[in-house]
Amino acid sequence: MVTNMFEEGAERNKALGVWGAVSGSGGAAGVLLGGVLTEYLGWEWVLWVNVPIGVIAAILAPRLLVESRRETDLRHFDALGAVTVTAGLSLLVFALVDTINEGWGSTQTLALLAVALVLIVAFVFIELRSRDPLMPFGIFRMRTLTGANVVGLLVGASIFAMFFFLSRYMQQVLEYSALKAGLSYLPLALAIIASAGVASVLVTRLGFKKVLIAGLALVAVALLWFAQVPIKGSYVSDLLGPMVIAAVGLGFAFVPVTIAAVSGVSQDKSGLASGLINTSQQLGGALGLAVLGTIASSKTTDLLSSAQGDPAAVPGALTEGFQLAFMTGAGFAVVGIIATLVLVRSEDSQAIVGASPAELPMA
């Protein structure tokens, strides 16, 4: 909807910058407020609180949002495609995330992955034969869009898992309460808001490719810094600095990758393009958590086995597991930089530099 409301160029970049700031800070605020809810009401309220939020959003949406449907167009809903892709991706995400508990070689994991694969393959066949497919695969001929989704997946893999391991480090190693761990994310939330606004301005001046590379580089630096966390760490010396760098990197990555993903896309495909980048980021988060969780857990388990169950070894074993996960997450960010350089077209990035909406050709 934002893509269609604002023409490609400075106006859209600014709007997506605002949207990125709200989305990014909302995620950080969720971690912050989750600590408050867990501390005073119990972890169940992290889920319950979404019910009134959803109800309020549903009431406000028709009053605040302009309808995007064209009444004159014929509409065909690809119900079978929607069911198969939703079920396939849901099973895939659940199977990957639950490998932390079940293991990669368990019957549950293998069975769920097999069913997910069958459903996703079925979705592909359905889309290829559908008169009005939910996913017209021809959209992937746009190299920048394809590259943006690859990078979006890697951003999700590196950043989303960071929140998980950082929260565990603060509570299980530094022995922070849920409230203190949540409040520790306040600088990160504020930095995301500021950096997303700056990113939207820089994209208009420099193009989304350069800003995206800078954001991924900052994410990699922050994760490498987190990979040095000690057993007896300090918030100010060991966490605050990389938190702020990660927040700036997230703002610099999230906004340009979204702009890149919808750049040059026609209005009738804008919903598909925006849905793809959101799906890529969420799927990347699930994949990253599964892979990094397995890496961290394996490292910790090996160290505890060597220590023969000595309770004093637990903080050190956990810390080394988290360090390895952060290091691997930094590797995802570096791969994202390479993918940006190779897949995102510089011509598409430079097309929006210094141009007013009226000067830009619409797809």
Protein backbone atom coordinates (compact mmCIF):
# COMPACT_ATOMS: atom_id res chain seq x y z
CA MET A 1 0.00 0.00 0.00
CA VAL A 2 2.86 2.40 0.79
CA THR A 3 4.42 1.58 -2.58
CA ASN A 4 1.22 2.49 -4.42
CA MET A 5 0.48 5.60 -2.33
CA PHE A 6 3.88 7.19 -3.08
CA GLU A 7 5.56 7.43 -6.47
CA GLU A 8 9.00 5.91 -6.88
CA GLY A 9 11.71 8.28 -5.75
CA ALA A 10 12.28 10.59 -2.79
CA GLU A 11 8.66 10.50 -1.60
CA ARG A 12 8.52 6.70 -1.48
CA ASN A 13 11.96 6.47 0.12
CA LYS A 14 10.86 8.83 2.90
CA ALA A 15 7.61 6.91 3.42
CA LEU A 16 9.41 3.57 3.55
CA GLY A 17 11.93 5.11 5.93
CA VAL A 18 9.10 6.00 8.31
CA TRP A 19 7.61 2.53 7.87
CA GLY A 20 11.02 0.95 8.47
CA ALA A 21 11.53 3.02 11.61
CA VAL A 22 8.16 1.97 13.00
CA SER A 23 8.65 -1.69 12.05
CA GLY A 24 12.21 -1.92 13.34
CA SER A 25 11.53 -0.06 16.56
CA GLY A 26 8.36 -2.10 17.04
CA GLY A 27 10.41 -5.30 16.98
CA ALA A 28 12.90 -3.90 19.47
CA ALA A 29 10.11 -2.50 21.63
CA GLY A 30 8.51 -5.94 21.62
CA VAL A 31 11.63 -7.38 23.17
CA LEU A 32 11.73 -4.53 25.69
CA LEU A 33 8.06 -4.72 26.68
CA GLY A 34 8.20 -8.51 26.63
CA GLY A 35 10.59 -8.29 29.57
CA VAL A 36 8.15 -6.10 31.47
CA LEU A 37 5.23 -8.46 30.82
CA THR A 38 7.25 -11.55 31.73
CA GLU A 39 8.50 -9.96 34.94
CA TYR A 40 5.11 -8.83 36.27
CA LEU A 41 2.40 -10.89 34.55
CA GLY A 42 4.12 -14.06 33.27
CA TRP A 43 5.40 -15.13 29.86
CA GLU A 44 1.89 -16.07 28.68
CA TRP A 45 1.05 -12.38 28.44
CA VAL A 46 3.62 -11.96 25.69
CA LEU A 47 1.03 -13.83 23.60
CA TRP A 48 -2.16 -12.52 25.21
CA VAL A 49 -1.22 -8.87 24.67
CA ASN A 50 -1.44 -9.36 20.90
CA VAL A 51 -5.18 -10.06 21.10
CA PRO A 52 -6.29 -6.51 22.02
CA ILE A 53 -3.64 -5.05 19.71
CA GLY A 54 -5.03 -7.10 16.82
CA VAL A 55 -8.62 -6.14 17.63
CA ILE A 56 -7.75 -2.43 17.80
CA ALA A 57 -5.85 -2.65 14.50
CA ALA A 58 -8.80 -4.40 12.84
CA ILE A 59 -11.17 -1.66 14.03
CA LEU A 60 -8.90 1.19 12.94
CA ALA A 61 -7.80 -0.24 9.56
CA PRO A 62 -11.00 0.41 7.56
CA ARG A 63 -11.22 3.91 9.07
CA LEU A 64 -7.63 4.95 8.37
CA LEU A 65 -6.57 3.01 5.26
CA VAL A 66 -7.66 3.70 1.69
CA GLU A 67 -9.06 0.71 -0.19
CA SER A 68 -6.58 -0.61 -2.76
CA ARG A 69 -8.96 -2.85 -4.70
CA ARG A 70 -10.03 -1.92 -8.23
CA GLU A 71 -13.75 -2.60 -8.54
CA THR A 72 -13.56 -2.92 -12.33
CA ASP A 73 -10.97 -5.73 -12.34
CA LEU A 74 -11.87 -9.39 -12.41
CA ARG A 75 -10.44 -11.12 -9.35
CA HIS A 76 -9.59 -14.79 -8.95
CA PHE A 77 -8.34 -15.97 -5.60
CA ASP A 78 -5.74 -18.74 -5.81
CA ALA A 79 -7.03 -20.57 -2.74
CA LEU A 80 -5.20 -23.84 -3.41
CA GLY A 81 -1.91 -22.03 -3.94
CA ALA A 82 -2.41 -19.99 -0.77
CA VAL A 83 -3.14 -23.09 1.32
CA THR A 84 -0.19 -25.13 0.02
CA VAL A 85 2.42 -22.37 0.35
CA THR A 86 1.18 -21.31 3.79
CA ALA A 87 1.12 -24.88 5.10
CA GLY A 88 4.47 -25.70 3.47
CA LEU A 89 6.32 -22.66 4.83
CA SER A 90 4.70 -23.01 8.27
CA LEU A 91 5.81 -26.64 8.56
CA LEU A 92 9.27 -25.75 7.26
CA VAL A 93 9.71 -22.97 9.81
CA PHE A 94 8.41 -25.10 12.68
CA ALA A 95 10.62 -28.05 11.73
CA LEU A 96 13.72 -25.86 11.54
CA VAL A 97 13.09 -23.92 14.75
CA ASP A 98 12.27 -27.08 16.71
CA THR A 99 15.56 -28.73 15.74
CA ILE A 100 16.93 -27.06 18.87
CA ASN A 101 14.75 -29.49 20.86
CA GLU A 102 14.42 -32.48 18.53
CA GLY A 103 17.70 -32.48 16.61
CA TRP A 104 18.30 -32.49 12.85
CA GLY A 105 18.16 -36.27 12.48
CA SER A 106 15.00 -36.90 14.53
CA THR A 107 11.94 -38.59 13.05
CA GLN A 108 9.84 -35.47 13.68
CA THR A 109 12.27 -33.14 11.90
CA LEU A 110 12.74 -35.40 8.88
CA ALA A 111 9.01 -36.09 8.54
CA LEU A 112 8.01 -32.44 8.80
CA LEU A 113 10.71 -31.38 6.32
CA ALA A 114 9.52 -34.05 3.87
CA VAL A 115 5.88 -32.92 4.13
CA ALA A 116 6.93 -29.26 3.81
CA LEU A 117 8.94 -30.08 0.68
CA VAL A 118 5.99 -31.92 -0.88
CA LEU A 119 3.66 -28.98 -0.18
CA ILE A 120 6.10 -26.41 -1.59
CA VAL A 121 6.66 -28.50 -4.75
CA ALA A 122 2.88 -28.83 -5.08
CA PHE A 123 2.60 -25.05 -4.78
CA VAL A 124 5.08 -24.58 -7.63
CA PHE A 125 3.12 -26.93 -9.91
CA ILE A 126 -0.17 -25.22 -8.99
CA GLU A 127 1.25 -21.77 -9.77
CA LEU A 128 2.65 -22.87 -13.12
CA ARG A 129 -0.80 -24.13 -14.17
CA SER A 130 -2.95 -21.44 -12.56
CA ARG A 131 -4.79 -18.87 -14.71
CA ASP A 132 -4.22 -16.17 -12.09
CA PRO A 133 -1.36 -17.42 -9.89
CA LEU A 134 -0.64 -16.13 -6.42
CA MET A 135 3.06 -16.23 -7.34
CA PRO A 136 3.83 -15.47 -11.00
CA PHE A 137 7.43 -16.68 -11.14
CA GLY A 138 8.23 -14.30 -13.97
CA ILE A 139 8.74 -11.57 -11.37
CA PHE A 140 12.09 -13.16 -10.49
CA ARG A 141 13.42 -12.06 -13.89
CA MET A 142 13.96 -8.71 -12.15
CA ARG A 143 17.50 -9.22 -10.87
CA THR A 144 17.41 -6.50 -8.22
CA LEU A 145 14.15 -7.83 -6.76
CA THR A 146 15.62 -11.35 -6.62
CA GLY A 147 18.83 -10.05 -5.06
CA ALA A 148 16.92 -7.99 -2.49
CA ASN A 149 15.03 -11.08 -1.36
CA VAL A 150 18.23 -13.12 -1.04
CA VAL A 151 19.76 -10.33 1.03
CA GLY A 152 16.55 -9.94 3.05
CA LEU A 153 16.74 -13.62 3.98
CA LEU A 154 20.35 -13.19 5.13
CA VAL A 155 19.49 -10.04 7.10
CA GLY A 156 16.76 -11.96 8.88
CA ALA A 157 19.11 -14.88 9.57
CA SER A 158 21.75 -12.65 11.14
CA ILE A 159 19.63 -10.13 13.05
CA PHE A 160 16.60 -12.07 14.36
CA ALA A 161 18.77 -14.72 15.97
CA MET A 162 20.85 -11.95 17.56
CA PHE A 163 17.91 -10.93 19.76
CA PHE A 164 17.43 -14.54 20.87
CA PHE A 165 21.03 -15.19 21.87
CA LEU A 166 21.58 -11.75 23.35
CA SER A 167 18.54 -12.19 25.60
CA ARG A 168 19.75 -15.63 26.69
CA TYR A 169 23.24 -14.30 27.40
CA MET A 170 21.91 -11.48 29.57
CA GLN A 171 19.56 -13.74 31.56
CA GLN A 172 21.47 -17.02 31.74
CA VAL A 173 25.05 -15.76 32.00
CA LEU A 174 24.82 -12.21 33.40
CA GLU A 175 21.75 -13.25 35.46
CA TYR A 176 19.65 -10.26 34.44
CA SER A 177 15.96 -10.39 35.33
CA ALA A 178 13.47 -10.45 32.47
CA LEU A 179 12.67 -6.79 33.20
CA LYS A 180 16.32 -5.70 33.19
CA ALA A 181 17.02 -7.64 29.98
CA GLY A 182 14.04 -6.02 28.31
CA LEU A 183 14.98 -2.50 29.39
CA SER A 184 18.52 -3.11 28.12
CA TYR A 185 17.13 -2.97 24.56
CA LEU A 186 15.92 0.65 24.93
CA PRO A 187 19.03 2.24 23.30
CA LEU A 188 18.73 -0.23 20.44
CA ALA A 189 15.07 0.67 19.83
CA LEU A 190 15.84 4.41 19.82
CA ALA A 191 18.83 3.96 17.50
CA ILE A 192 16.73 2.01 14.99
CA ILE A 193 14.20 4.85 14.78
CA ALA A 194 16.94 7.41 14.13
CA SER A 195 18.92 5.28 11.68
CA ALA A 196 15.89 4.33 9.57
CA GLY A 197 15.13 8.01 9.02
CA VAL A 198 18.72 8.73 8.07
CA ALA A 199 18.76 5.69 5.76
CA SER A 200 15.78 6.95 3.74
CA VAL A 201 17.61 10.25 3.11
CA LEU A 202 20.87 8.51 2.18
CA VAL A 203 19.09 6.19 -0.26
CA THR A 204 17.80 9.20 -2.19
CA ARG A 205 21.30 10.72 -2.28
CA LEU A 206 23.48 7.63 -2.74
CA GLY A 207 21.20 4.86 -3.99
CA PHE A 208 19.98 1.85 -2.05
CA LYS A 209 22.92 -0.42 -2.92
CA LYS A 210 25.61 1.60 -1.12
CA VAL A 211 23.44 2.15 1.96
CA LEU A 212 22.54 -1.54 2.09
CA ILE A 213 26.21 -2.57 1.95
CA ALA A 214 27.04 -0.10 4.74
CA GLY A 215 24.19 -1.48 6.85
CA LEU A 216 25.29 -5.09 6.41
CA ALA A 217 28.88 -4.13 7.23
CA LEU A 218 27.72 -2.52 10.49
CA VAL A 219 25.66 -5.61 11.34
CA ALA A 220 28.74 -7.79 10.76
CA VAL A 221 30.87 -5.52 12.97
CA ALA A 222 28.27 -5.58 15.75
CA LEU A 223 27.97 -9.38 15.68
CA LEU A 224 31.75 -9.80 15.70
CA TRP A 225 31.85 -7.54 18.76
CA PHE A 226 29.10 -9.61 20.41
CA ALA A 227 31.20 -12.69 19.66
CA GLN A 228 33.74 -11.39 22.21
CA VAL A 229 31.30 -11.29 25.16
CA PRO A 230 32.97 -12.54 28.37
CA ILE A 231 31.49 -14.66 31.14
CA LYS A 232 31.52 -11.71 33.53
CA GLY A 233 30.48 -9.06 31.06
CA SER A 234 29.47 -5.46 31.60
CA TYR A 235 26.48 -3.82 29.90
CA VAL A 236 28.31 -0.56 29.20
CA SER A 237 31.60 -2.02 27.94
CA ASP A 238 30.43 -5.25 26.29
CA LEU A 239 26.82 -4.77 25.15
CA LEU A 240 25.86 -1.12 24.68
CA GLY A 241 28.36 -0.40 21.90
CA PRO A 242 27.51 -3.37 19.65
CA MET A 243 23.79 -2.86 20.37
CA VAL A 244 23.89 0.67 18.96
CA ILE A 245 26.00 -0.42 15.97
CA ALA A 246 23.60 -3.32 15.28
CA ALA A 247 20.64 -0.93 15.47
CA VAL A 248 22.18 1.50 12.99
CA GLY A 249 23.11 -1.41 10.74
CA LEU A 250 19.57 -2.78 10.93
CA GLY A 251 18.08 0.60 9.98
CA PHE A 252 20.58 1.00 7.14
CA ALA A 253 19.84 -2.53 5.88
CA PHE A 254 16.10 -2.83 6.43
CA VAL A 255 15.03 0.36 4.64
CA PRO A 256 17.16 0.03 1.45
CA VAL A 257 16.48 -3.70 1.04
CA THR A 258 12.75 -2.95 1.14
CA ILE A 259 13.12 -0.12 -1.37
CA ALA A 260 15.23 -2.36 -3.61
CA ALA A 261 12.64 -5.15 -3.42
CA VAL A 262 9.84 -2.92 -4.76
CA SER A 263 11.94 -0.71 -7.06
CA GLY A 264 10.61 -0.66 -10.62
CA VAL A 265 7.69 -2.96 -9.79
CA SER A 266 4.34 -2.09 -11.38
CA GLN A 267 1.38 -1.30 -9.13
CA ASP A 268 -0.41 -4.58 -9.84
CA LYS A 269 2.69 -6.50 -8.64
CA SER A 270 3.57 -4.28 -5.66
CA GLY A 271 1.65 -6.45 -3.20
CA LEU A 272 3.51 -9.51 -4.44
CA ALA A 273 6.89 -7.76 -4.22
CA SER A 274 6.32 -6.46 -0.69
CA GLY A 275 4.95 -9.83 0.42
CA LEU A 276 8.05 -11.55 -0.95
CA ILE A 277 10.52 -9.37 0.96
CA ASN A 278 8.60 -9.77 4.22
CA THR A 279 8.43 -13.54 3.73
CA SER A 280 12.15 -13.68 2.94
CA GLN A 281 13.04 -11.83 6.14
CA GLN A 282 10.78 -13.96 8.33
CA LEU A 283 11.95 -17.20 6.73
CA GLY A 284 15.55 -16.02 7.11
CA GLY A 285 14.92 -15.41 10.80
CA ALA A 286 13.60 -18.94 11.24
CA LEU A 287 16.47 -20.47 9.30
CA GLY A 288 19.03 -18.40 11.17
CA LEU A 289 17.59 -19.33 14.54
CA ALA A 290 17.55 -23.03 13.63
CA VAL A 291 21.11 -23.09 12.30
CA LEU A 292 22.66 -20.82 14.91
CA GLY A 293 20.69 -22.48 17.70
CA THR A 294 22.04 -25.87 16.69
CA ILE A 295 25.59 -24.51 16.49
CA ALA A 296 25.39 -22.85 19.91
CA SER A 297 23.70 -25.85 21.54
CA SER A 298 26.24 -28.32 20.12
CA LYS A 299 29.16 -26.21 21.35
CA THR A 300 27.67 -25.87 24.83
CA THR A 301 26.81 -29.57 25.06
CA ASP A 302 30.33 -30.61 24.05
CA LEU A 303 31.89 -28.32 26.64
CA LEU A 304 29.58 -29.53 29.40
CA SER A 305 30.36 -33.15 28.51
CA SER A 306 34.07 -32.41 28.80
CA ALA A 307 33.44 -30.77 32.19
CA GLN A 308 31.55 -33.91 33.32
CA GLY A 309 28.51 -31.99 34.47
CA ASP A 310 30.33 -29.50 36.70
CA PRO A 311 27.75 -26.72 37.46
CA ALA A 312 30.53 -24.13 37.59
CA ALA A 313 31.23 -24.81 33.90
CA VAL A 314 27.70 -23.87 32.74
CA PRO A 315 28.19 -20.08 32.32
CA GLY A 316 31.40 -20.58 30.36
CA ALA A 317 29.88 -23.29 28.15
CA LEU A 318 26.83 -21.14 27.40
CA THR A 319 28.99 -18.10 26.64
CA GLU A 320 31.18 -19.99 24.17
CA GLY A 321 28.08 -21.32 22.44
CA PHE A 322 26.67 -17.81 22.11
CA GLN A 323 30.03 -16.50 20.86
CA LEU A 324 30.08 -19.08 18.07
CA ALA A 325 26.49 -18.24 17.12
CA PHE A 326 27.28 -14.51 16.92
CA MET A 327 30.36 -15.26 14.82
CA THR A 328 28.31 -17.35 12.38
CA GLY A 329 25.66 -14.61 12.24
CA ALA A 330 28.39 -12.17 11.21
CA GLY A 331 29.23 -14.59 8.42
CA PHE A 332 25.61 -14.38 7.18
CA ALA A 333 25.94 -10.58 7.05
CA VAL A 334 29.19 -10.84 5.04
CA VAL A 335 27.49 -13.22 2.59
CA GLY A 336 24.73 -10.59 2.35
CA ILE A 337 27.31 -7.99 1.30
CA ILE A 338 28.58 -10.34 -1.43
CA ALA A 339 25.02 -11.04 -2.59
CA THR A 340 24.32 -7.30 -2.75
CA LEU A 341 27.42 -6.66 -4.85
CA VAL A 342 26.61 -9.51 -7.26
CA LEU A 343 22.81 -9.51 -7.50
CA VAL A 344 21.61 -5.94 -6.93
CA ARG A 345 21.97 -3.87 -10.09
CA SER A 346 23.85 -0.59 -9.62
CA GLU A 347 21.80 0.91 -12.48
CA ASP A 348 18.56 0.32 -10.54
CA SER A 349 20.11 1.80 -7.40
CA GLN A 350 21.41 4.92 -9.13
CA ALA A 351 18.13 5.49 -10.99
CA ILE A 352 16.56 7.00 -7.86
CA VAL A 353 19.49 9.23 -6.87
CA GLY A 354 18.55 12.90 -6.85
CA ALA A 355 15.48 12.31 -8.95
CA SER A 356 12.08 13.76 -8.18
CA PRO A 357 9.05 11.50 -8.59
CA ALA A 358 8.05 13.30 -11.80
CA GLU A 359 11.42 12.59 -13.38
CA LEU A 360 11.32 8.86 -12.75
CA PRO A 361 9.85 6.46 -15.32
CA MET A 362 7.10 4.37 -13.80
CA ALA A 363 7.07 0.61 -14.45
